[in-house]
N, C-alpha and C. Protein backbone atom coordinates (compact mmCIF):
# COMPACT_ATOMS: atom_id res chain seq x y z
N MET A 1 -128.07 40.31 30.42
CA MET A 1 -127.21 38.60 30.06
C MET A 1 -125.94 38.73 30.65
N PRO A 2 -125.15 37.85 30.96
CA PRO A 2 -123.91 38.03 31.39
C PRO A 2 -122.78 37.81 30.05
N ARG A 3 -121.76 38.34 30.04
CA ARG A 3 -120.83 38.43 28.72
C ARG A 3 -120.16 36.61 28.60
N THR A 4 -120.00 36.11 27.51
CA THR A 4 -119.24 35.16 27.40
C THR A 4 -118.02 35.60 27.06
N ALA A 5 -116.98 34.87 27.80
CA ALA A 5 -115.59 36.10 27.56
C ALA A 5 -114.30 34.98 28.13
N PRO A 6 -113.33 35.28 27.83
CA PRO A 6 -111.92 34.50 28.29
C PRO A 6 -111.95 35.40 29.76
N ILE A 7 -111.02 34.87 30.52
CA ILE A 7 -110.54 35.28 31.58
C ILE A 7 -110.49 37.11 30.88
N PRO A 8 -111.16 38.22 31.66
CA PRO A 8 -111.12 39.30 31.55
C PRO A 8 -109.81 40.03 31.62
N SER A 9 -109.82 41.30 30.96
CA SER A 9 -108.73 42.54 31.34
C SER A 9 -109.70 43.45 31.52
N ILE A 10 -109.48 44.08 33.03
CA ILE A 10 -110.22 45.16 33.37
C ILE A 10 -109.66 46.46 32.70
N GLN A 11 -110.43 47.40 32.90
CA GLN A 11 -110.03 48.60 32.41
C GLN A 11 -109.46 49.39 33.71
N CYS A 12 -108.49 50.37 33.72
CA CYS A 12 -107.47 50.99 34.79
C CYS A 12 -107.46 51.97 34.41
N TYR A 13 -107.36 52.92 35.54
CA TYR A 13 -107.08 54.32 35.89
C TYR A 13 -105.59 54.45 35.91
N SER A 14 -104.82 55.15 35.27
CA SER A 14 -103.58 55.62 35.26
C SER A 14 -103.08 56.19 36.79
N TYR A 15 -102.25 55.84 37.02
CA TYR A 15 -101.66 56.98 38.13
C TYR A 15 -100.22 57.09 37.98
N HIS A 16 -99.88 58.49 38.76
CA HIS A 16 -98.39 59.14 38.57
C HIS A 16 -97.86 59.63 39.97
N PRO A 17 -97.41 58.34 40.38
CA PRO A 17 -96.44 58.92 41.64
C PRO A 17 -96.08 60.53 41.52
N PHE A 18 -96.54 61.17 42.68
CA PHE A 18 -95.54 62.32 42.94
C PHE A 18 -95.75 63.18 44.39
N GLN A 19 -95.15 63.91 45.15
CA GLN A 19 -94.95 64.45 46.28
C GLN A 19 -96.13 65.41 46.41
N ASP A 20 -96.93 65.59 47.63
CA ASP A 20 -97.77 66.70 47.42
C ASP A 20 -97.03 67.78 48.21
N SER A 21 -97.01 68.99 47.65
CA SER A 21 -95.86 70.35 48.05
C SER A 21 -96.01 70.33 49.23
N LEU A 22 -97.34 70.33 49.80
CA LEU A 22 -97.81 70.69 51.06
C LEU A 22 -97.78 69.71 52.02
N ALA A 23 -97.76 68.66 51.74
CA ALA A 23 -97.67 67.46 52.48
C ALA A 23 -98.71 67.60 53.19
N THR A 24 -99.51 67.80 53.35
CA THR A 24 -100.95 68.01 54.31
C THR A 24 -101.28 66.59 54.97
N LYS A 25 -101.65 66.65 56.20
CA LYS A 25 -102.01 65.20 56.88
C LYS A 25 -103.61 65.30 57.12
N SER A 26 -104.26 66.21 56.40
CA SER A 26 -105.82 66.23 56.69
C SER A 26 -106.57 65.06 56.24
N ARG A 27 -107.51 64.91 57.28
CA ARG A 27 -108.53 63.35 56.90
C ARG A 27 -108.74 63.52 55.44
N HIS A 28 -109.15 64.67 55.16
CA HIS A 28 -109.80 64.60 53.44
C HIS A 28 -108.55 64.27 52.49
N SER A 29 -107.37 64.42 52.53
CA SER A 29 -106.16 63.80 51.76
C SER A 29 -106.26 62.10 52.04
N GLU A 30 -106.26 61.73 53.50
CA GLU A 30 -106.06 60.68 53.56
C GLU A 30 -107.25 59.62 53.05
N LEU A 31 -108.28 60.17 53.01
CA LEU A 31 -109.61 59.54 52.17
C LEU A 31 -109.61 59.71 50.87
N GLY A 32 -108.59 60.84 50.19
CA GLY A 32 -108.27 60.66 48.93
C GLY A 32 -107.43 59.60 48.40
N ASN A 33 -106.37 59.33 49.48
CA ASN A 33 -105.36 58.17 49.39
C ASN A 33 -106.15 56.87 49.23
N THR A 34 -107.25 56.92 49.78
CA THR A 34 -107.82 55.42 49.24
C THR A 34 -108.23 55.16 48.11
N ASP A 35 -108.85 56.04 47.16
CA ASP A 35 -109.10 56.07 45.79
C ASP A 35 -107.68 55.93 44.87
N TYR A 36 -106.69 56.44 45.51
CA TYR A 36 -105.35 56.73 44.69
C TYR A 36 -104.82 55.03 44.84
N PHE A 37 -104.69 54.68 46.27
CA PHE A 37 -104.55 53.16 46.37
C PHE A 37 -104.75 52.23 45.23
N LYS A 38 -106.23 52.32 45.24
CA LYS A 38 -106.87 51.42 44.53
C LYS A 38 -106.78 51.59 43.06
N ALA A 39 -106.36 52.82 42.56
CA ALA A 39 -105.95 53.11 41.16
C ALA A 39 -104.41 52.35 40.90
N GLN A 40 -103.81 52.43 41.87
CA GLN A 40 -102.37 51.48 41.64
C GLN A 40 -102.66 50.07 41.45
N LEU A 41 -103.25 50.03 42.50
CA LEU A 41 -103.62 48.29 42.67
C LEU A 41 -104.31 48.05 41.34
N ARG A 42 -105.43 48.76 40.67
CA ARG A 42 -105.86 48.04 39.57
C ARG A 42 -104.77 47.84 38.22
N ASN A 43 -104.02 48.94 38.55
CA ASN A 43 -103.21 48.85 37.26
C ASN A 43 -102.12 47.58 37.54
N ARG A 44 -101.87 47.31 38.69
CA ARG A 44 -100.83 46.11 38.92
C ARG A 44 -101.62 44.91 38.81
N LEU A 45 -102.93 44.50 38.63
CA LEU A 45 -103.55 43.34 38.88
C LEU A 45 -103.84 43.15 37.49
N ASN A 46 -104.18 44.41 36.88
CA ASN A 46 -104.23 44.10 35.51
C ASN A 46 -103.32 43.63 34.75
N SER A 47 -102.19 44.14 35.12
CA SER A 47 -101.00 43.74 34.50
C SER A 47 -100.21 42.52 35.06
N CYS A 48 -100.77 41.89 36.17
CA CYS A 48 -100.30 40.58 36.85
C CYS A 48 -98.91 41.12 37.24
N LYS A 49 -98.71 42.01 37.86
CA LYS A 49 -97.23 42.72 38.31
C LYS A 49 -97.19 43.11 39.58
N LEU A 50 -97.43 41.91 40.70
CA LEU A 50 -97.25 42.11 42.05
C LEU A 50 -95.80 41.84 42.49
N PRO A 51 -94.76 42.66 42.64
CA PRO A 51 -93.72 42.29 42.95
C PRO A 51 -93.36 40.88 44.02
N ASN A 52 -94.14 41.24 45.10
CA ASN A 52 -93.74 40.35 46.23
C ASN A 52 -94.91 39.20 46.27
N MET A 53 -95.36 38.96 45.08
CA MET A 53 -96.48 37.78 45.10
C MET A 53 -95.73 36.47 45.03
N PRO A 54 -96.00 35.42 45.84
CA PRO A 54 -95.10 34.13 45.97
C PRO A 54 -95.30 33.16 44.69
N VAL A 55 -94.13 32.51 44.87
CA VAL A 55 -93.87 31.64 43.77
C VAL A 55 -95.21 30.60 43.78
N GLY A 56 -95.60 30.31 42.79
CA GLY A 56 -96.63 29.47 42.53
C GLY A 56 -98.44 30.13 43.13
N PHE A 57 -98.67 31.34 42.80
CA PHE A 57 -99.87 32.11 43.13
C PHE A 57 -100.81 31.49 42.26
N PRO A 58 -102.03 31.43 42.41
CA PRO A 58 -102.37 31.96 43.39
C PRO A 58 -102.50 31.19 44.75
N PHE A 59 -101.61 30.38 44.95
CA PHE A 59 -101.15 29.13 46.18
C PHE A 59 -99.75 29.52 46.36
N SER A 60 -99.16 28.73 46.94
CA SER A 60 -97.53 29.11 47.47
C SER A 60 -96.91 27.83 47.29
N HIS A 61 -95.61 28.09 46.88
CA HIS A 61 -94.51 26.86 46.95
C HIS A 61 -93.90 27.03 48.51
N VAL A 62 -93.72 25.99 49.18
CA VAL A 62 -93.09 25.85 50.70
C VAL A 62 -91.98 24.67 50.19
N HIS A 63 -91.02 24.91 50.84
CA HIS A 63 -89.50 23.88 50.71
C HIS A 63 -89.71 22.74 51.78
N ASP A 64 -89.66 21.34 51.60
CA ASP A 64 -89.61 20.73 52.49
C ASP A 64 -88.66 20.07 53.29
N GLY A 65 -87.60 20.89 53.11
CA GLY A 65 -86.54 20.82 54.22
C GLY A 65 -85.46 19.88 53.51
N TYR A 66 -85.51 19.27 52.32
CA TYR A 66 -84.60 18.31 51.76
C TYR A 66 -84.42 18.60 50.44
N GLY A 67 -84.52 20.05 49.92
CA GLY A 67 -84.07 21.04 48.78
C GLY A 67 -85.23 20.67 47.97
N PHE A 68 -86.23 20.59 48.13
CA PHE A 68 -87.41 20.50 47.07
C PHE A 68 -88.54 21.30 47.64
N SER A 69 -89.42 21.73 46.67
CA SER A 69 -90.67 22.64 47.31
C SER A 69 -91.56 21.70 46.34
N ARG A 70 -92.98 22.06 47.16
CA ARG A 70 -94.29 21.74 46.83
C ARG A 70 -95.25 22.77 46.99
N LEU A 71 -96.20 22.46 46.47
CA LEU A 71 -97.39 23.53 46.01
C LEU A 71 -98.18 23.21 47.43
N SER A 72 -98.58 24.46 47.87
CA SER A 72 -99.04 24.42 49.22
C SER A 72 -100.57 25.19 49.12
N TYR A 73 -101.31 24.61 49.84
CA TYR A 73 -102.81 25.60 49.79
C TYR A 73 -103.06 25.59 51.21
N ASP A 74 -102.24 25.86 52.00
CA ASP A 74 -102.47 26.67 53.00
C ASP A 74 -102.49 28.35 53.03
N SER A 75 -103.16 28.63 53.90
CA SER A 75 -103.36 30.26 53.92
C SER A 75 -102.02 31.13 54.23
N TYR A 76 -101.95 32.12 53.52
CA TYR A 76 -100.78 32.85 53.52
C TYR A 76 -101.66 34.32 53.21
N GLU A 77 -100.28 35.50 53.47
CA GLU A 77 -100.63 36.86 52.95
C GLU A 77 -99.36 37.49 52.59
N PHE A 78 -99.58 38.43 51.88
CA PHE A 78 -98.44 39.05 51.32
C PHE A 78 -98.54 40.56 51.24
N HIS A 79 -97.94 41.52 51.15
CA HIS A 79 -97.99 42.61 50.96
C HIS A 79 -97.45 43.58 50.16
N GLU A 80 -97.62 44.88 49.70
CA GLU A 80 -97.55 45.41 48.53
C GLU A 80 -97.55 47.04 48.87
N ASP A 81 -95.84 47.46 48.73
CA ASP A 81 -95.83 48.89 48.93
C ASP A 81 -96.94 49.62 48.14
N LEU A 82 -97.42 50.93 48.46
CA LEU A 82 -98.41 51.73 47.92
C LEU A 82 -97.60 53.28 47.87
N THR A 83 -98.04 54.06 47.04
CA THR A 83 -97.32 55.14 47.13
C THR A 83 -98.40 56.24 47.75
N SER A 84 -98.68 56.84 48.68
CA SER A 84 -99.64 57.84 49.06
C SER A 84 -99.56 59.39 48.33
N HIS A 85 -100.59 59.82 48.49
CA HIS A 85 -100.51 61.63 48.01
C HIS A 85 -99.59 62.21 48.90
N SER A 86 -99.58 61.96 50.19
CA SER A 86 -99.11 62.70 51.22
C SER A 86 -97.56 62.06 51.56
N HIS A 87 -97.64 60.94 50.87
CA HIS A 87 -96.07 60.44 51.42
C HIS A 87 -94.95 61.18 50.79
N ARG A 88 -93.89 61.20 51.49
CA ARG A 88 -92.51 62.06 51.33
C ARG A 88 -91.70 60.88 51.29
N SER A 89 -90.57 61.12 50.41
CA SER A 89 -89.81 60.08 49.95
C SER A 89 -88.79 59.81 51.04
N GLN A 90 -88.57 60.53 52.20
CA GLN A 90 -87.70 60.47 53.27
C GLN A 90 -88.51 59.39 54.27
N SER A 91 -89.64 59.30 54.18
CA SER A 91 -90.78 58.37 55.23
C SER A 91 -89.94 57.10 55.10
N ARG A 92 -89.67 56.46 56.62
CA ARG A 92 -89.49 55.04 56.26
C ARG A 92 -90.65 54.41 56.27
N HIS A 93 -91.73 54.82 56.29
CA HIS A 93 -92.98 53.69 56.37
C HIS A 93 -93.91 53.90 55.26
N HIS A 94 -94.04 53.24 54.18
CA HIS A 94 -94.89 53.17 53.32
C HIS A 94 -96.23 52.56 53.56
N PRO A 95 -97.60 53.04 53.27
CA PRO A 95 -98.48 52.48 53.04
C PRO A 95 -98.50 51.14 52.52
N GLN A 96 -99.37 49.93 52.86
CA GLN A 96 -99.22 48.54 52.40
C GLN A 96 -100.74 48.39 52.01
N ALA A 97 -100.67 47.40 50.73
CA ALA A 97 -101.99 46.47 50.54
C ALA A 97 -101.54 45.27 51.15
N THR A 98 -102.39 44.64 51.49
CA THR A 98 -102.37 43.22 52.24
C THR A 98 -103.28 42.13 51.33
N ILE A 99 -102.50 41.38 50.64
CA ILE A 99 -103.25 40.17 49.77
C ILE A 99 -103.39 39.05 50.69
N ALA A 100 -104.55 38.48 50.83
CA ALA A 100 -104.37 37.16 51.66
C ALA A 100 -105.36 36.19 51.17
N PHE A 101 -104.63 35.03 51.21
CA PHE A 101 -105.67 33.75 50.94
C PHE A 101 -106.14 32.89 52.04
N LYS A 102 -107.17 32.41 52.04
CA LYS A 102 -107.81 31.80 53.16
C LYS A 102 -108.46 30.44 52.85
N ASN A 103 -107.64 29.36 53.02
CA ASN A 103 -108.27 27.92 52.87
C ASN A 103 -108.72 27.46 54.21
N THR A 104 -110.22 27.55 54.62
CA THR A 104 -110.50 27.03 55.84
C THR A 104 -111.10 25.61 55.63
N SER A 105 -110.86 24.71 54.49
CA SER A 105 -111.42 23.40 54.12
C SER A 105 -110.81 22.64 55.26
N SER A 106 -111.48 21.50 55.82
CA SER A 106 -110.73 20.48 56.38
C SER A 106 -111.32 19.02 55.94
N ARG A 107 -111.07 18.16 56.67
CA ARG A 107 -111.24 16.74 56.10
C ARG A 107 -112.82 16.55 56.51
N ASP A 108 -113.86 17.32 56.97
CA ASP A 108 -114.89 17.13 57.17
C ASP A 108 -115.71 18.21 56.58
N LYS A 109 -115.13 19.14 56.19
CA LYS A 109 -115.60 20.07 55.41
C LYS A 109 -114.86 21.18 54.18
N VAL A 110 -115.46 21.11 53.42
CA VAL A 110 -114.95 21.76 52.06
C VAL A 110 -115.55 23.21 51.88
N SER A 111 -114.54 24.16 51.90
CA SER A 111 -115.35 25.65 51.85
C SER A 111 -114.63 26.15 50.79
N TYR A 112 -115.09 27.35 50.65
CA TYR A 112 -114.64 28.10 49.12
C TYR A 112 -113.26 28.41 49.77
N LEU A 113 -112.29 28.68 48.44
CA LEU A 113 -110.91 28.89 48.45
C LEU A 113 -111.09 30.70 48.28
N THR A 114 -110.56 31.41 49.11
CA THR A 114 -110.63 32.79 49.23
C THR A 114 -109.59 33.46 49.05
N TRP A 115 -109.78 34.87 48.29
CA TRP A 115 -108.87 35.84 48.12
C TRP A 115 -109.21 37.25 48.57
N GLN A 116 -108.37 38.07 49.44
CA GLN A 116 -108.89 39.15 49.57
C GLN A 116 -108.10 40.51 49.37
N ILE A 117 -108.27 41.62 49.16
CA ILE A 117 -107.35 42.52 49.50
C ILE A 117 -107.60 43.83 50.73
N TYR A 118 -106.81 44.03 51.41
CA TYR A 118 -106.96 44.89 52.00
C TYR A 118 -105.99 46.17 52.19
N LEU A 119 -106.74 47.33 52.43
CA LEU A 119 -106.12 49.03 52.37
C LEU A 119 -106.07 49.14 53.99
N PRO A 120 -105.26 50.03 54.36
CA PRO A 120 -105.46 50.96 55.82
C PRO A 120 -106.52 51.67 55.32
N SER A 121 -107.65 51.42 56.44
CA SER A 121 -108.59 52.32 56.85
C SER A 121 -108.18 53.72 56.98
N PRO A 122 -109.61 54.59 56.39
CA PRO A 122 -109.25 56.10 56.49
C PRO A 122 -108.59 56.42 57.59
N ASP A 123 -109.37 56.02 58.50
CA ASP A 123 -108.80 56.50 59.66
C ASP A 123 -107.47 55.90 60.25
N ALA A 124 -107.42 54.60 60.10
CA ALA A 124 -105.92 54.35 60.00
C ALA A 124 -104.95 54.79 59.32
N ALA A 125 -105.25 55.21 58.32
CA ALA A 125 -103.82 56.04 57.64
C ALA A 125 -103.73 57.34 58.16
N TYR A 126 -105.06 58.03 58.93
CA TYR A 126 -104.92 59.07 59.35
C TYR A 126 -104.20 59.03 60.57
N LEU A 127 -104.49 58.59 61.34
CA LEU A 127 -104.04 58.24 62.80
C LEU A 127 -102.50 57.33 62.91
N ARG A 128 -102.14 57.01 61.63
CA ARG A 128 -101.12 55.87 61.48
C ARG A 128 -101.08 54.67 62.36
N HIS A 129 -102.32 54.45 62.52
CA HIS A 129 -102.30 52.99 63.08
C HIS A 129 -102.81 51.96 61.97
N LEU A 130 -101.82 51.67 61.43
CA LEU A 130 -101.79 50.84 60.07
C LEU A 130 -102.62 49.11 60.26
N GLN A 131 -102.63 49.26 61.58
CA GLN A 131 -102.77 47.27 61.63
C GLN A 131 -104.71 47.46 61.15
N ASN A 132 -105.43 48.72 61.43
CA ASN A 132 -106.89 48.54 61.18
C ASN A 132 -106.89 48.65 59.58
N ARG A 133 -107.51 47.86 58.99
CA ARG A 133 -107.57 47.79 57.43
C ARG A 133 -109.14 47.42 56.97
N GLN A 134 -109.53 47.74 55.98
CA GLN A 134 -110.37 47.52 55.19
C GLN A 134 -110.42 46.63 54.13
N ALA A 135 -111.45 45.89 53.67
CA ALA A 135 -111.43 44.87 52.46
C ALA A 135 -111.88 45.55 51.44
N VAL A 136 -111.32 45.58 50.16
CA VAL A 136 -111.50 46.32 49.12
C VAL A 136 -111.77 45.83 47.68
N ALA A 137 -111.56 44.15 47.84
CA ALA A 137 -111.48 43.14 46.81
C ALA A 137 -111.82 41.84 47.44
N HIS A 138 -112.56 41.03 46.94
CA HIS A 138 -113.06 39.79 47.64
C HIS A 138 -113.43 38.80 46.39
N VAL A 139 -112.43 37.92 46.27
CA VAL A 139 -113.03 36.51 45.43
C VAL A 139 -112.95 35.36 45.90
N GLN A 140 -114.22 34.58 45.81
CA GLN A 140 -114.01 33.13 46.47
C GLN A 140 -114.36 32.13 45.02
N VAL A 141 -113.85 30.86 45.44
CA VAL A 141 -113.72 29.71 44.28
C VAL A 141 -114.67 28.75 44.89
N ASP A 142 -115.56 28.31 44.27
CA ASP A 142 -116.41 27.42 44.80
C ASP A 142 -115.75 26.06 44.52
N PRO A 143 -115.56 25.15 45.50
CA PRO A 143 -114.58 23.80 45.55
C PRO A 143 -115.12 23.03 44.37
N ALA A 144 -116.16 23.14 44.05
CA ALA A 144 -116.72 22.52 42.69
C ALA A 144 -115.82 22.57 41.49
N VAL A 145 -115.20 23.80 41.37
CA VAL A 145 -114.26 24.06 40.38
C VAL A 145 -113.32 23.42 40.22
N THR A 146 -112.64 22.61 41.55
CA THR A 146 -111.62 21.77 41.31
C THR A 146 -111.71 20.35 40.36
N ARG A 147 -113.09 20.42 40.23
CA ARG A 147 -113.61 19.20 39.41
C ARG A 147 -113.85 19.25 38.19
N THR A 148 -113.00 20.64 37.60
CA THR A 148 -113.65 20.94 36.35
C THR A 148 -111.89 21.28 35.62
N PRO A 149 -112.30 21.36 33.94
CA PRO A 149 -110.76 21.47 33.77
C PRO A 149 -110.48 22.88 33.75
N PHE A 150 -111.56 24.06 33.92
CA PHE A 150 -110.99 25.23 34.38
C PHE A 150 -109.84 25.20 35.57
N TRP A 151 -110.15 24.33 36.33
CA TRP A 151 -108.98 24.26 37.41
C TRP A 151 -107.75 24.18 37.19
N LYS A 152 -107.26 23.75 35.57
CA LYS A 152 -106.03 23.77 35.14
C LYS A 152 -105.42 25.04 35.13
N SER A 153 -106.55 26.08 34.69
CA SER A 153 -106.24 27.35 34.15
C SER A 153 -105.86 28.18 35.52
N LEU A 154 -106.72 27.71 36.70
CA LEU A 154 -106.48 28.68 37.74
C LEU A 154 -105.39 28.26 38.44
N LEU A 155 -104.88 27.17 38.37
CA LEU A 155 -103.51 26.42 38.85
C LEU A 155 -102.56 27.43 38.22
N ASN A 156 -102.71 27.17 37.10
CA ASN A 156 -100.91 27.29 36.29
C ASN A 156 -101.19 29.14 35.79
N ASP A 157 -102.15 29.40 35.98
CA ASP A 157 -102.20 31.10 35.04
C ASP A 157 -102.34 32.10 36.41
N PRO A 158 -101.70 33.08 37.09
CA PRO A 158 -102.00 33.46 37.93
C PRO A 158 -102.76 34.50 37.80
N SER A 159 -103.03 35.10 36.50
CA SER A 159 -103.75 35.94 36.04
C SER A 159 -105.24 35.86 36.24
N VAL A 160 -105.81 34.62 36.45
CA VAL A 160 -107.05 34.21 36.62
C VAL A 160 -107.86 34.89 37.84
N ILE A 161 -106.47 34.73 38.95
CA ILE A 161 -107.07 35.10 40.13
C ILE A 161 -106.74 36.96 40.42
N LEU A 162 -105.43 37.04 39.67
CA LEU A 162 -105.36 38.70 39.63
C LEU A 162 -106.42 39.59 39.09
N ARG A 163 -106.96 38.88 37.77
CA ARG A 163 -107.78 39.77 37.24
C ARG A 163 -109.18 39.67 37.92
N ALA A 164 -109.23 38.64 38.23
CA ALA A 164 -110.84 38.45 39.38
C ALA A 164 -110.74 39.30 40.45
N LEU A 165 -109.67 39.58 40.88
CA LEU A 165 -109.56 40.67 42.04
C LEU A 165 -109.64 42.02 41.68
N GLY A 166 -109.03 42.17 40.32
CA GLY A 166 -108.97 43.66 39.78
C GLY A 166 -110.37 43.87 39.40
N LEU A 167 -111.39 43.00 38.99
CA LEU A 167 -112.77 43.03 38.85
C LEU A 167 -113.40 43.15 40.16
N SER A 168 -113.41 42.52 41.08
CA SER A 168 -114.10 42.84 42.38
C SER A 168 -113.45 44.12 42.89
N LEU A 169 -112.50 44.47 42.55
CA LEU A 169 -111.69 45.85 43.16
C LEU A 169 -112.75 47.03 42.30
N GLU A 170 -112.59 46.71 41.08
CA GLU A 170 -113.33 47.74 40.22
C GLU A 170 -114.99 47.77 40.32
N LEU A 171 -115.67 46.59 40.80
CA LEU A 171 -117.01 46.54 41.23
C LEU A 171 -117.27 47.03 42.41
N GLY A 172 -116.35 46.97 43.29
CA GLY A 172 -116.82 47.00 44.79
C GLY A 172 -117.47 45.92 44.98
N ALA A 173 -117.53 44.67 44.85
CA ALA A 173 -118.27 43.62 45.04
C ALA A 173 -117.60 42.27 45.30
N LEU A 174 -118.19 41.48 46.05
CA LEU A 174 -117.65 40.03 46.24
C LEU A 174 -118.08 39.41 44.60
N LEU A 175 -116.92 38.61 44.16
CA LEU A 175 -117.10 38.03 43.03
C LEU A 175 -116.79 36.35 43.24
N THR A 176 -117.85 35.89 42.78
CA THR A 176 -117.44 34.18 42.88
C THR A 176 -117.51 33.41 41.57
N ILE A 177 -116.77 32.53 41.69
CA ILE A 177 -116.44 32.00 40.60
C ILE A 177 -117.20 30.51 40.88
N HIS A 178 -117.69 29.91 39.91
CA HIS A 178 -118.43 28.59 40.27
C HIS A 178 -118.92 28.01 38.94
N PRO A 179 -118.86 26.48 38.75
CA PRO A 179 -119.36 25.97 37.66
C PRO A 179 -121.15 26.40 37.58
N SER A 180 -121.40 26.62 36.10
CA SER A 180 -123.03 26.63 36.20
C SER A 180 -123.58 25.67 36.15
N ARG A 181 -124.96 26.05 37.18
CA ARG A 181 -125.79 24.97 37.71
C ARG A 181 -126.79 24.45 36.79
N SER A 182 -126.72 24.84 35.47
CA SER A 182 -127.74 24.44 34.24
C SER A 182 -126.75 24.23 33.09
N ARG A 183 -125.89 24.32 32.82
CA ARG A 183 -125.07 24.19 31.72
C ARG A 183 -123.73 23.69 31.65
N PRO A 184 -123.44 22.40 31.75
CA PRO A 184 -121.90 21.72 31.66
C PRO A 184 -121.28 22.49 30.73
N GLY A 185 -119.96 22.77 31.39
CA GLY A 185 -118.71 23.27 30.49
C GLY A 185 -118.81 24.77 30.59
N GLU A 186 -119.41 25.20 31.32
CA GLU A 186 -119.33 26.81 31.76
C GLU A 186 -118.90 27.11 33.11
N ILE A 187 -118.26 28.30 33.17
CA ILE A 187 -117.77 28.49 34.52
C ILE A 187 -118.59 30.00 34.92
N VAL A 188 -119.29 30.40 35.84
CA VAL A 188 -119.50 31.52 35.79
C VAL A 188 -119.19 32.58 36.96
N TYR A 189 -118.97 33.88 36.43
CA TYR A 189 -118.64 34.68 37.57
C TYR A 189 -119.61 35.74 37.96
N THR A 190 -119.95 35.27 39.17
CA THR A 190 -121.28 35.97 39.89
C THR A 190 -120.77 37.06 40.84
N ILE A 191 -121.20 38.38 40.70
CA ILE A 191 -121.07 39.20 41.75
C ILE A 191 -122.15 39.49 42.53
N THR A 192 -121.94 39.51 44.10
CA THR A 192 -122.54 40.00 45.08
C THR A 192 -122.71 41.25 45.19
N HIS A 193 -123.65 42.15 45.00
CA HIS A 193 -123.86 43.44 45.59
C HIS A 193 -123.84 43.98 47.05
N LYS A 194 -123.50 44.93 47.77
CA LYS A 194 -123.60 45.03 49.02
C LYS A 194 -125.23 44.88 49.79
N ASP A 195 -126.18 45.14 48.81
CA ASP A 195 -127.23 44.83 49.37
C ASP A 195 -127.71 43.22 49.02
N GLY A 196 -126.98 42.65 48.78
CA GLY A 196 -127.15 41.12 48.68
C GLY A 196 -127.59 40.25 47.08
N ARG A 197 -127.97 41.42 46.29
CA ARG A 197 -128.42 41.27 44.98
C ARG A 197 -127.27 40.28 44.29
N GLN A 198 -127.35 39.03 43.66
CA GLN A 198 -126.40 38.45 42.97
C GLN A 198 -126.89 38.66 41.60
N GLU A 199 -125.94 38.57 40.59
CA GLU A 199 -126.38 38.29 39.17
C GLU A 199 -124.82 37.87 38.42
N PRO A 200 -124.93 36.98 37.15
CA PRO A 200 -123.95 36.43 36.36
C PRO A 200 -123.33 38.09 35.88
N TYR A 201 -121.94 37.82 36.10
CA TYR A 201 -121.39 38.84 35.31
C TYR A 201 -120.81 38.48 33.80
N PHE A 202 -120.05 37.37 33.94
CA PHE A 202 -119.52 36.63 32.34
C PHE A 202 -119.70 35.15 32.81
N ILE A 203 -119.39 34.71 31.54
CA ILE A 203 -119.58 33.20 31.40
C ILE A 203 -117.95 32.79 30.75
N VAL A 204 -117.19 31.88 31.39
CA VAL A 204 -116.13 31.01 30.51
C VAL A 204 -116.56 29.89 30.25
N ARG A 205 -116.08 29.44 29.08
CA ARG A 205 -116.66 28.13 28.32
C ARG A 205 -115.49 27.30 28.15
N TYR A 206 -115.59 25.92 28.57
CA TYR A 206 -114.41 25.31 28.16
C TYR A 206 -115.01 23.98 27.81
N PRO A 207 -114.00 23.25 26.66
CA PRO A 207 -114.70 21.93 25.89
C PRO A 207 -115.18 21.12 27.23
N GLN A 208 -116.20 20.19 26.88
CA GLN A 208 -116.68 19.23 27.88
C GLN A 208 -115.63 17.97 27.58
N THR A 209 -115.05 18.12 26.38
CA THR A 209 -114.44 16.90 26.24
C THR A 209 -112.99 16.71 27.41
N ASP A 210 -112.66 17.59 27.62
CA ASP A 210 -111.53 18.25 28.46
C ASP A 210 -111.56 17.20 29.87
N ARG A 211 -110.34 16.38 30.06
CA ARG A 211 -110.43 15.99 31.43
C ARG A 211 -109.15 16.53 32.27
N ILE A 212 -109.66 16.42 33.64
CA ILE A 212 -108.62 17.03 34.55
C ILE A 212 -107.52 15.89 34.90
């Protein structure tokens, strides 16, 4: 049975930046970095503290050239520096996580709003080809959510998507946010496992008397 709850706060494992005294560059060390990176991200997502997060997150504000800004639903991405096991303080290059928002909707087609987090793949970190990356968190929002009162929370509270990304990262699964198909007034967080199985993880209820 899915749990009924407000936007969840996920449990995160603590991390403590330190220098590897041996400064090894073995593949084993780089593979361990992936889990280390995830631990850092879980902490930041759960505390809703991403220093480079754009104003207006989960979307972004853009300037119109006349001194004003407006909320934009265009795709974007930003980067967050991470601390590596084998990273030395004097190094110029920090490993980075990439947080990307994709909106492929058009006049003829309304698509899911998608947020993903990418980390350097183990091979990329080992070979220092940091353009290669792997997705470690994936959240998508059904466009039908925009017609519910829950949309206001998503627009005005960055923690809705940040914690959803943290949950996806924690579970290692795609997380879809959508209205309940059988019960009005409910938003369902559904997880999709790697084998394709889907299950509702928890439910957020909102008053049916609310209006957008």
